[in-house]
């Protein structure tokens, strides 16, 4: 027969470990969060630049800024994807 002290110890250990893992699942690291914020700030600037280029009829500048926007969005998505996978 298993002693009460021994059986009560195992569930507590599992619960504690599971709780810690759940708290971090899908959560980016502080560095990842900082980079995501930086990318969001850069995206805001680029979207404003794009709007101004469109308003001024600068087709080539619009294409350049759109390429920069797409690159920033891809980087942001990659960080978010790897943060979710790496933390799981």
PDB file of N, CA and C in Angstrom:
ATOM      1  N   UNK A   1       0.844  -1.180   0.000  1.00  0.00           N
ATOM      2  CA  UNK A   1       0.000   0.000   0.000  1.00  0.00           C
ATOM      3  C   UNK A   1       0.889   1.244   0.000  1.00  0.00           C
ATOM      4  N   UNK A   2       0.472   2.266  -0.733  1.00  0.00           N
ATOM      5  CA  UNK A   2       1.235   3.505  -0.834  1.00  0.00           C
ATOM      6  C   UNK A   2       0.884   4.390   0.353  1.00  0.00           C
ATOM      7  N   UNK A   3       1.907   4.953   0.966  1.00  0.00           N
ATOM      8  CA  UNK A   3       1.656   5.806   2.128  1.00  0.00           C
ATOM      9  C   UNK A   3       0.997   7.114   1.683  1.00  0.00           C
ATOM     10  N   UNK A   4       0.150   7.724   2.540  1.00  0.00           N
ATOM     11  CA  UNK A   4      -0.533   8.977   2.195  1.00  0.00           C
ATOM     12  C   UNK A   4       0.448  10.106   1.859  1.00  0.00           C
ATOM     13  N   UNK A   5       1.565  10.177   2.561  1.00  0.00           N
ATOM     14  CA  UNK A   5       2.537  11.243   2.297  1.00  0.00           C
ATOM     15  C   UNK A   5       3.101  11.115   0.890  1.00  0.00           C
ATOM     16  N   UNK A   6       3.372   9.911   0.483  1.00  0.00           N
ATOM     17  CA  UNK A   6       3.944   9.686  -0.839  1.00  0.00           C
ATOM     18  C   UNK A   6       2.933   9.971  -1.947  1.00  0.00           C
ATOM     19  N   UNK A   7       1.694   9.536  -1.792  1.00  0.00           N
ATOM     20  CA  UNK A   7       0.694   9.739  -2.841  1.00  0.00           C
ATOM     21  C   UNK A   7       0.297  11.214  -2.947  1.00  0.00           C
ATOM     22  N   UNK A   8       0.274  11.935  -1.836  1.00  0.00           N
ATOM     23  CA  UNK A   8      -0.090  13.348  -1.910  1.00  0.00           C
ATOM     24  C   UNK A   8       1.042  14.181  -2.504  1.00  0.00           C
ATOM     25  N   UNK A   9       2.260  13.705  -2.417  1.00  0.00           N
ATOM     26  CA  UNK A   9       3.399  14.444  -2.965  1.00  0.00           C
ATOM     27  C   UNK A   9       3.383  14.444  -4.494  1.00  0.00           C
ATOM     28  N   UNK A  10       3.082  13.311  -5.111  1.00  0.00           N
ATOM     29  CA  UNK A  10       3.104  13.208  -6.572  1.00  0.00           C
ATOM     30  C   UNK A  10       2.110  14.148  -7.247  1.00  0.00           C
ATOM     31  N   UNK A  11       0.835  14.184  -6.883  1.00  0.00           N
ATOM     32  CA  UNK A  11      -0.089  15.108  -7.550  1.00  0.00           C
ATOM     33  C   UNK A  11       0.321  16.573  -7.389  1.00  0.00           C
ATOM     34  N   UNK A  12       0.835  16.942  -6.236  1.00  0.00           N
ATOM     35  CA  UNK A  12       1.253  18.323  -6.037  1.00  0.00           C
ATOM     36  C   UNK A  12       2.396  18.674  -6.977  1.00  0.00           C
ATOM     37  N   UNK A  13       3.315  17.765  -7.152  1.00  0.00           N
ATOM     38  CA  UNK A  13       4.435  18.014  -8.048  1.00  0.00           C
ATOM     39  C   UNK A  13       3.935  18.155  -9.476  1.00  0.00           C
ATOM     40  N   UNK A  14       3.061  17.266  -9.910  1.00  0.00           N
ATOM     41  CA  UNK A  14       2.531  17.345 -11.269  1.00  0.00           C
ATOM     42  C   UNK A  14       1.738  18.622 -11.484  1.00  0.00           C
ATOM     43  N   UNK A  15       0.904  18.974 -10.527  1.00  0.00           N
ATOM     44  CA  UNK A  15       0.107  20.191 -10.668  1.00  0.00           C
ATOM     45  C   UNK A  15       0.994  21.423 -10.750  1.00  0.00           C
ATOM     46  N   UNK A  16       1.990  21.496  -9.923  1.00  0.00           N
ATOM     47  CA  UNK A  16       2.895  22.646  -9.939  1.00  0.00           C
ATOM     48  C   UNK A  16       3.631  22.752 -11.256  1.00  0.00           C
ATOM     49  N   UNK A  17       4.117  21.641 -11.762  1.00  0.00           N
ATOM     50  CA  UNK A  17       4.849  21.632 -13.026  1.00  0.00           C
ATOM     51  C   UNK A  17       3.917  22.007 -14.167  1.00  0.00           C
ATOM     52  N   UNK A  18       2.719  21.450 -14.191  1.00  0.00           N
ATOM     53  CA  UNK A  18       1.758  21.731 -15.249  1.00  0.00           C
ATOM     54  C   UNK A  18       1.353  23.202 -15.234  1.00  0.00           C
ATOM     55  N   UNK A  19       1.141  23.735 -14.060  1.00  0.00           N
ATOM     56  CA  UNK A  19       0.727  25.133 -13.934  1.00  0.00           C
ATOM     57  C   UNK A  19       1.813  26.057 -14.486  1.00  0.00           C
ATOM     58  N   UNK A  20       3.059  25.788 -14.167  1.00  0.00           N
ATOM     59  CA  UNK A  20       4.157  26.623 -14.676  1.00  0.00           C
ATOM     60  C   UNK A  20       4.222  26.548 -16.186  1.00  0.00           C
ATOM     61  N   UNK A  21       4.073  25.356 -16.744  1.00  0.00           N
ATOM     62  CA  UNK A  21       4.150  25.203 -18.188  1.00  0.00           C
ATOM     63  C   UNK A  21       3.002  25.937 -18.865  1.00  0.00           C
ATOM     64  N   UNK A  22       1.790  25.852 -18.328  1.00  0.00           N
ATOM     65  CA  UNK A  22       0.640  26.521 -18.913  1.00  0.00           C
ATOM     66  C   UNK A  22       0.799  28.040 -18.877  1.00  0.00           C
ATOM     67  N   UNK A  23       1.416  28.558 -17.855  1.00  0.00           N
ATOM     68  CA  UNK A  23       1.596  29.995 -17.740  1.00  0.00           C
ATOM     69  C   UNK A  23       2.481  30.528 -18.855  1.00  0.00           C
ATOM     70  N   UNK A  24       3.405  29.735 -19.363  1.00  0.00           N
ATOM     71  CA  UNK A  24       4.350  30.198 -20.364  1.00  0.00           C
ATOM     72  C   UNK A  24       3.985  29.776 -21.776  1.00  0.00           C
ATOM     73  N   UNK A  25       3.003  28.933 -21.944  1.00  0.00           N
ATOM     74  CA  UNK A  25       2.641  28.433 -23.265  1.00  0.00           C
ATOM     75  C   UNK A  25       2.162  29.592 -24.131  1.00  0.00           C
ATOM     76  N   UNK A  26       2.819  29.787 -25.267  1.00  0.00           N
ATOM     77  CA  UNK A  26       2.413  30.821 -26.197  1.00  0.00           C
ATOM     78  C   UNK A  26       2.837  32.219 -25.812  1.00  0.00           C
ATOM     79  N   UNK A  27       3.624  32.359 -24.775  1.00  0.00           N
ATOM     80  CA  UNK A  27       4.053  33.681 -24.319  1.00  0.00           C
ATOM     81  C   UNK A  27       5.444  33.988 -24.856  1.00  0.00           C
ATOM     82  N   UNK A  28       5.577  35.112 -25.592  1.00  0.00           N
ATOM     83  CA  UNK A  28       6.921  35.476 -26.061  1.00  0.00           C
ATOM     84  C   UNK A  28       7.821  35.898 -24.903  1.00  0.00           C
ATOM     85  N   UNK A  29       9.113  35.764 -25.108  1.00  0.00           N
ATOM     86  CA  UNK A  29      10.078  36.203 -24.104  1.00  0.00           C
ATOM     87  C   UNK A  29      10.090  37.728 -24.044  1.00  0.00           C
ATOM     88  N   UNK A  30      10.671  38.316 -23.021  1.00  0.00           N
ATOM     89  CA  UNK A  30      10.761  39.786 -22.969  1.00  0.00           C
ATOM     90  C   UNK A  30      11.469  40.361 -24.202  1.00  0.00           C
ATOM     91  N   UNK A  31      12.494  39.672 -24.696  1.00  0.00           N
ATOM     92  CA  UNK A  31      13.202  40.138 -25.886  1.00  0.00           C
ATOM     93  C   UNK A  31      12.300  40.090 -27.109  1.00  0.00           C
ATOM     94  N   UNK A  32      11.523  39.009 -27.220  1.00  0.00           N
ATOM     95  CA  UNK A  32      10.598  38.883 -28.349  1.00  0.00           C
ATOM     96  C   UNK A  32       9.513  39.941 -28.279  1.00  0.00           C
ATOM     97  N   UNK A  33       9.001  40.179 -27.081  1.00  0.00           N
ATOM     98  CA  UNK A  33       7.975  41.224 -26.927  1.00  0.00           C
ATOM     99  C   UNK A  33       8.529  42.592 -27.296  1.00  0.00           C
ATOM    100  N   UNK A  34       9.764  42.870 -26.897  1.00  0.00           N
ATOM    101  CA  UNK A  34      10.393  44.161 -27.221  1.00  0.00           C
ATOM    102  C   UNK A  34      10.552  44.305 -28.730  1.00  0.00           C
ATOM    103  N   UNK A  35      10.982  43.239 -29.398  1.00  0.00           N
ATOM    104  CA  UNK A  35      11.152  43.305 -30.850  1.00  0.00           C
ATOM    105  C   UNK A  35       9.804  43.467 -31.547  1.00  0.00           C
ATOM    106  N   UNK A  36       8.773  42.796 -31.061  1.00  0.00           N
ATOM    107  CA  UNK A  36       7.433  42.941 -31.638  1.00  0.00           C
ATOM    108  C   UNK A  36       6.959  44.385 -31.496  1.00  0.00           C
ATOM    109  N   UNK A  37       7.171  44.992 -30.328  1.00  0.00           N
ATOM    110  CA  UNK A  37       6.792  46.403 -30.137  1.00  0.00           C
ATOM    111  C   UNK A  37       7.557  47.304 -31.103  1.00  0.00           C
ATOM    112  N   UNK A  38       8.846  47.031 -31.256  1.00  0.00           N
ATOM    113  CA  UNK A  38       9.667  47.814 -32.170  1.00  0.00           C
ATOM    114  C   UNK A  38       9.148  47.677 -33.611  1.00  0.00           C
ATOM    115  N   UNK A  39       8.828  46.454 -34.003  1.00  0.00           N
ATOM    116  CA  UNK A  39       8.294  46.235 -35.341  1.00  0.00           C
ATOM    117  C   UNK A  39       6.959  46.933 -35.533  1.00  0.00           C
ATOM    118  N   UNK A  40       6.110  46.923 -34.512  1.00  0.00           N
ATOM    119  CA  UNK A  40       4.824  47.614 -34.601  1.00  0.00           C
ATOM    120  C   UNK A  40       5.027  49.120 -34.773  1.00  0.00           C
ATOM    121  N   UNK A  41       5.976  49.683 -34.054  1.00  0.00           N
ATOM    122  CA  UNK A  41       6.286  51.105 -34.209  1.00  0.00           C
ATOM    123  C   UNK A  41       6.776  51.402 -35.625  1.00  0.00           C
ATOM    124  N   UNK A  42       7.657  50.548 -36.135  1.00  0.00           N
ATOM    125  CA  UNK A  42       8.160  50.730 -37.494  1.00  0.00           C
ATOM    126  C   UNK A  42       7.032  50.601 -38.515  1.00  0.00           C
ATOM    127  N   UNK A  43       6.121  49.672 -38.282  1.00  0.00           N
ATOM    128  CA  UNK A  43       4.994  49.507 -39.189  1.00  0.00           C
ATOM    129  C   UNK A  43       4.104  50.750 -39.227  1.00  0.00           C
ATOM    130  N   UNK A  44       3.876  51.353 -38.086  1.00  0.00           N
ATOM    131  CA  UNK A  44       3.070  52.577 -38.046  1.00  0.00           C
ATOM    132  C   UNK A  44       3.713  53.649 -38.913  1.00  0.00           C
ATOM    133  N   UNK A  45       5.021  53.823 -38.746  1.00  0.00           N
ATOM    134  CA  UNK A  45       5.746  54.828 -39.535  1.00  0.00           C
ATOM    135  C   UNK A  45       5.633  54.520 -41.024  1.00  0.00           C
ATOM    136  N   UNK A  46       5.816  53.238 -41.395  1.00  0.00           N
ATOM    137  CA  UNK A  46       5.765  52.869 -42.809  1.00  0.00           C
ATOM    138  C   UNK A  46       4.364  53.041 -43.392  1.00  0.00           C
ATOM    139  N   UNK A  47       3.334  52.731 -42.606  1.00  0.00           N
ATOM    140  CA  UNK A  47       1.973  52.923 -43.114  1.00  0.00           C
ATOM    141  C   UNK A  47       1.680  54.404 -43.348  1.00  0.00           C
ATOM    142  N   UNK A  48       2.177  55.271 -42.480  1.00  0.00           N
ATOM    143  CA  UNK A  48       2.018  56.715 -42.673  1.00  0.00           C
ATOM    144  C   UNK A  48       2.780  57.150 -43.924  1.00  0.00           C
ATOM    145  N   UNK A  49       4.010  56.653 -44.086  1.00  0.00           N
ATOM    146  CA  UNK A  49       4.805  56.970 -45.278  1.00  0.00           C
ATOM    147  C   UNK A  49       4.083  56.524 -46.542  1.00  0.00           C
ATOM    148  N   UNK A  50       3.498  55.328 -46.487  1.00  0.00           N
ATOM    149  CA  UNK A  50       2.768  54.811 -47.649  1.00  0.00           C
ATOM    150  C   UNK A  50       1.585  55.700 -47.981  1.00  0.00           C
ATOM    151  N   UNK A  51       0.820  56.073 -46.967  1.00  0.00           N
ATOM    152  CA  UNK A  51      -0.344  56.939 -47.191  1.00  0.00           C
ATOM    153  C   UNK A  51       0.081  58.258 -47.834  1.00  0.00           C
ATOM    154  N   UNK A  52       1.172  58.838 -47.339  1.00  0.00           N
ATOM    155  CA  UNK A  52       1.663  60.103 -47.883  1.00  0.00           C
ATOM    156  C   UNK A  52       2.160  59.925 -49.319  1.00  0.00           C
ATOM    157  N   UNK A  53       2.845  58.822 -49.591  1.00  0.00           N
ATOM    158  CA  UNK A  53       3.339  58.567 -50.941  1.00  0.00           C
ATOM    159  C   UNK A  53       2.178  58.389 -51.927  1.00  0.00           C
ATOM    160  N   UNK A  54       1.139  57.700 -51.478  1.00  0.00           N
ATOM    161  CA  UNK A  54      -0.056  57.534 -52.324  1.00  0.00           C
ATOM    162  C   UNK A  54      -0.682  58.895 -52.597  1.00  0.00           C
ATOM    163  N   UNK A  55      -0.830  59.706 -51.566  1.00  0.00           N
ATOM    164  CA  UNK A  55      -1.433  61.033 -51.707  1.00  0.00           C
ATOM    165  C   UNK A  55      -0.619  61.930 -52.643  1.00  0.00           C
ATOM    166  N   UNK A  56       0.695  61.779 -52.620  1.00  0.00           N
ATOM    167  CA  UNK A  56       1.582  62.595 -53.458  1.00  0.00           C
ATOM    168  C   UNK A  56       1.789  62.003 -54.853  1.00  0.00           C
ATOM    169  N   UNK A  57       1.209  60.828 -55.111  1.00  0.00           N
ATOM    170  CA  UNK A  57       1.337  60.195 -56.419  1.00  0.00           C
ATOM    171  C   UNK A  57       2.716  59.632 -56.697  1.00  0.00           C
ATOM    172  N   UNK A  58       3.418  59.213 -55.667  1.00  0.00           N
ATOM    173  CA  UNK A  58       4.774  58.671 -55.804  1.00  0.00           C
ATOM    174  C   UNK A  58       4.719  57.147 -55.879  1.00  0.00           C
ATOM    175  N   UNK A  59       4.379  56.650 -57.051  1.00  0.00           N
ATOM    176  CA  UNK A  59       4.172  55.209 -57.245  1.00  0.00           C
ATOM    177  C   UNK A  59       5.362  54.352 -56.866  1.00  0.00           C
ATOM    178  N   UNK A  60       6.561  54.790 -57.240  1.00  0.00           N
ATOM    179  CA  UNK A  60       7.750  54.001 -56.923  1.00  0.00           C
ATOM    180  C   UNK A  60       7.989  53.956 -55.411  1.00  0.00           C
ATOM    181  N   UNK A  61       7.771  55.073 -54.752  1.00  0.00           N
ATOM    182  CA  UNK A  61       7.937  55.115 -53.285  1.00  0.00           C
ATOM    183  C   UNK A  61       6.896  54.218 -52.608  1.00  0.00           C
ATOM    184  N   UNK A  62       5.686  54.192 -53.143  1.00  0.00           N
ATOM    185  CA  UNK A  62       4.639  53.328 -52.591  1.00  0.00           C
ATOM    186  C   UNK A  62       5.090  51.872 -52.638  1.00  0.00           C
ATOM    187  N   UNK A  63       5.641  51.461 -53.785  1.00  0.00           N
ATOM    188  CA  UNK A  63       6.109  50.069 -53.923  1.00  0.00           C
ATOM    189  C   UNK A  63       7.226  49.753 -52.933  1.00  0.00           C
ATOM    190  N   UNK A  64       8.156  50.696 -52.777  1.00  0.00           N
ATOM    191  CA  UNK A  64       9.277  50.489 -51.855  1.00  0.00           C
ATOM    192  C   UNK A  64       8.783  50.349 -50.415  1.00  0.00           C
ATOM    193  N   UNK A  65       7.882  51.242 -50.023  1.00  0.00           N
ATOM    194  CA  UNK A  65       7.364  51.210 -48.646  1.00  0.00           C
ATOM    195  C   UNK A  65       6.522  49.956 -48.427  1.00  0.00           C
ATOM    196  N   UNK A  66       5.754  49.557 -49.419  1.00  0.00           N
ATOM    197  CA  UNK A  66       4.958  48.328 -49.284  1.00  0.00           C
ATOM    198  C   UNK A  66       5.867  47.110 -49.105  1.00  0.00           C
ATOM    199  N   UNK A  67       6.979  47.076 -49.805  1.00  0.00           N
ATOM    200  CA  UNK A  67       7.929  45.969 -49.638  1.00  0.00           C
ATOM    201  C   UNK A  67       8.498  45.971 -48.219  1.00  0.00           C
ATOM    202  N   UNK A  68       8.796  47.157 -47.691  1.00  0.00           N
ATOM    203  CA  UNK A  68       9.290  47.255 -46.314  1.00  0.00           C
ATOM    204  C   UNK A  68       8.222  46.805 -45.326  1.00  0.00           C
ATOM    205  N   UNK A  69       6.981  47.204 -45.573  1.00  0.00           N
ATOM    206  CA  UNK A  69       5.868  46.795 -44.698  1.00  0.00           C
ATOM    207  C   UNK A  69       5.739  45.276 -44.699  1.00  0.00           C
ATOM    208  N   UNK A  70       5.765  44.675 -45.882  1.00  0.00           N
ATOM    209  CA  UNK A  70       5.648  43.206 -45.975  1.00  0.00           C
ATOM    210  C   UNK A  70       6.779  42.504 -45.247  1.00  0.00           C
ATOM    211  N   UNK A  71       7.977  43.034 -45.361  1.00  0.00           N
ATOM    212  CA  UNK A  71       9.129  42.447 -44.670  1.00  0.00           C
ATOM    213  C   UNK A  71       8.968  42.534 -43.155  1.00  0.00           C
ATOM    214  N   UNK A  72       8.535  43.687 -42.676  1.00  0.00           N
ATOM    215  CA  UNK A  72       8.322  43.860 -41.231  1.00  0.00           C
ATOM    216  C   UNK A  72       7.218  42.940 -40.723  1.00  0.00           C
ATOM    217  N   UNK A  73       6.139  42.809 -41.496  1.00  0.00           N
ATOM    218  CA  UNK A  73       5.039  41.925 -41.098  1.00  0.00           C
ATOM    219  C   UNK A  73       5.495  40.467 -41.054  1.00  0.00           C
ATOM    220  N   UNK A  74       6.303  40.057 -42.039  1.00  0.00           N
ATOM    221  CA  UNK A  74       6.820  38.675 -42.027  1.00  0.00           C
ATOM    222  C   UNK A  74       7.677  38.421 -40.803  1.00  0.00           C
ATOM    223  N   UNK A  75       8.555  39.385 -40.472  1.00  0.00           N
ATOM    224  CA  UNK A  75       9.412  39.210 -39.298  1.00  0.00           C
ATOM    225  C   UNK A  75       8.576  39.106 -38.029  1.00  0.00           C
ATOM    226  N   UNK A  76       7.581  39.967 -37.908  1.00  0.00           N
ATOM    227  CA  UNK A  76       6.693  39.950 -36.734  1.00  0.00           C
ATOM    228  C   UNK A  76       5.969  38.606 -36.631  1.00  0.00           C
ATOM    229  N   UNK A  77       5.452  38.114 -37.739  1.00  0.00           N
ATOM    230  CA  UNK A  77       4.752  36.824 -37.747  1.00  0.00           C
ATOM    231  C   UNK A  77       5.685  35.677 -37.370  1.00  0.00           C
ATOM    232  N   UNK A  78       6.918  35.715 -37.861  1.00  0.00           N
ATOM    233  CA  UNK A  78       7.890  34.678 -37.526  1.00  0.00           C
ATOM    234  C   UNK A  78       8.195  34.667 -36.028  1.00  0.00           C
ATOM    235  N   UNK A  79       8.387  35.838 -35.463  1.00  0.00           N
ATOM    236  CA  UNK A  79       8.669  35.921 -34.023  1.00  0.00           C
ATOM    237  C   UNK A  79       7.496  35.364 -33.239  1.00  0.00           C
ATOM    238  N   UNK A  80       6.278  35.768 -33.615  1.00  0.00           N
ATOM    239  CA  UNK A  80       5.088  35.298 -32.897  1.00  0.00           C
ATOM    240  C   UNK A  80       4.931  33.785 -33.051  1.00  0.00           C
ATOM    241  N   UNK A  81       5.198  33.268 -34.251  1.00  0.00           N
ATOM    242  CA  UNK A  81       5.091  31.828 -34.481  1.00  0.00           C
ATOM    243  C   UNK A  81       6.103  31.058 -33.643  1.00  0.00           C
ATOM    244  N   UNK A  82       7.357  31.482 -33.674  1.00  0.00           N
ATOM    245  CA  UNK A  82       8.396  30.769 -32.934  1.00  0.00           C
ATOM    246  C   UNK A  82       8.232  30.942 -31.428  1.00  0.00           C
ATOM    247  N   UNK A  83       7.697  32.074 -31.012  1.00  0.00           N
ATOM    248  CA  UNK A  83       7.440  32.263 -29.585  1.00  0.00           C
ATOM    249  C   UNK A  83       6.409  31.247 -29.102  1.00  0.00           C
ATOM    250  N   UNK A  84       5.366  31.057 -29.902  1.00  0.00           N
ATOM    251  CA  UNK A  84       4.315  30.109 -29.536  1.00  0.00           C
ATOM    252  C   UNK A  84       4.836  28.673 -29.557  1.00  0.00           C
ATOM    253  N   UNK A  85       5.615  28.333 -30.551  1.00  0.00           N
ATOM    254  CA  UNK A  85       6.147  26.973 -30.681  1.00  0.00           C
ATOM    255  C   UNK A  85       7.216  26.723 -29.611  1.00  0.00           C
ATOM    256  N   UNK A  86       8.089  27.691 -29.416  1.00  0.00           N
ATOM    257  CA  UNK A  86       9.189  27.524 -28.474  1.00  0.00           C
ATOM    258  C   UNK A  86       8.748  27.460 -27.035  1.00  0.00           C
ATOM    259  N   UNK A  87       7.631  28.068 -26.722  1.00  0.00           N
ATOM    260  CA  UNK A  87       7.168  28.113 -25.337  1.00  0.00           C
ATOM    261  C   UNK A  87       6.271  26.937 -25.008  1.00  0.00           C
ATOM    262  N   UNK A  88       5.785  26.246 -26.013  1.00  0.00           N
ATOM    263  CA  UNK A  88       4.828  25.155 -25.758  1.00  0.00           C
ATOM    264  C   UNK A  88       5.515  23.950 -25.164  1.00  0.00           C
TER     265      UNK A  88
END
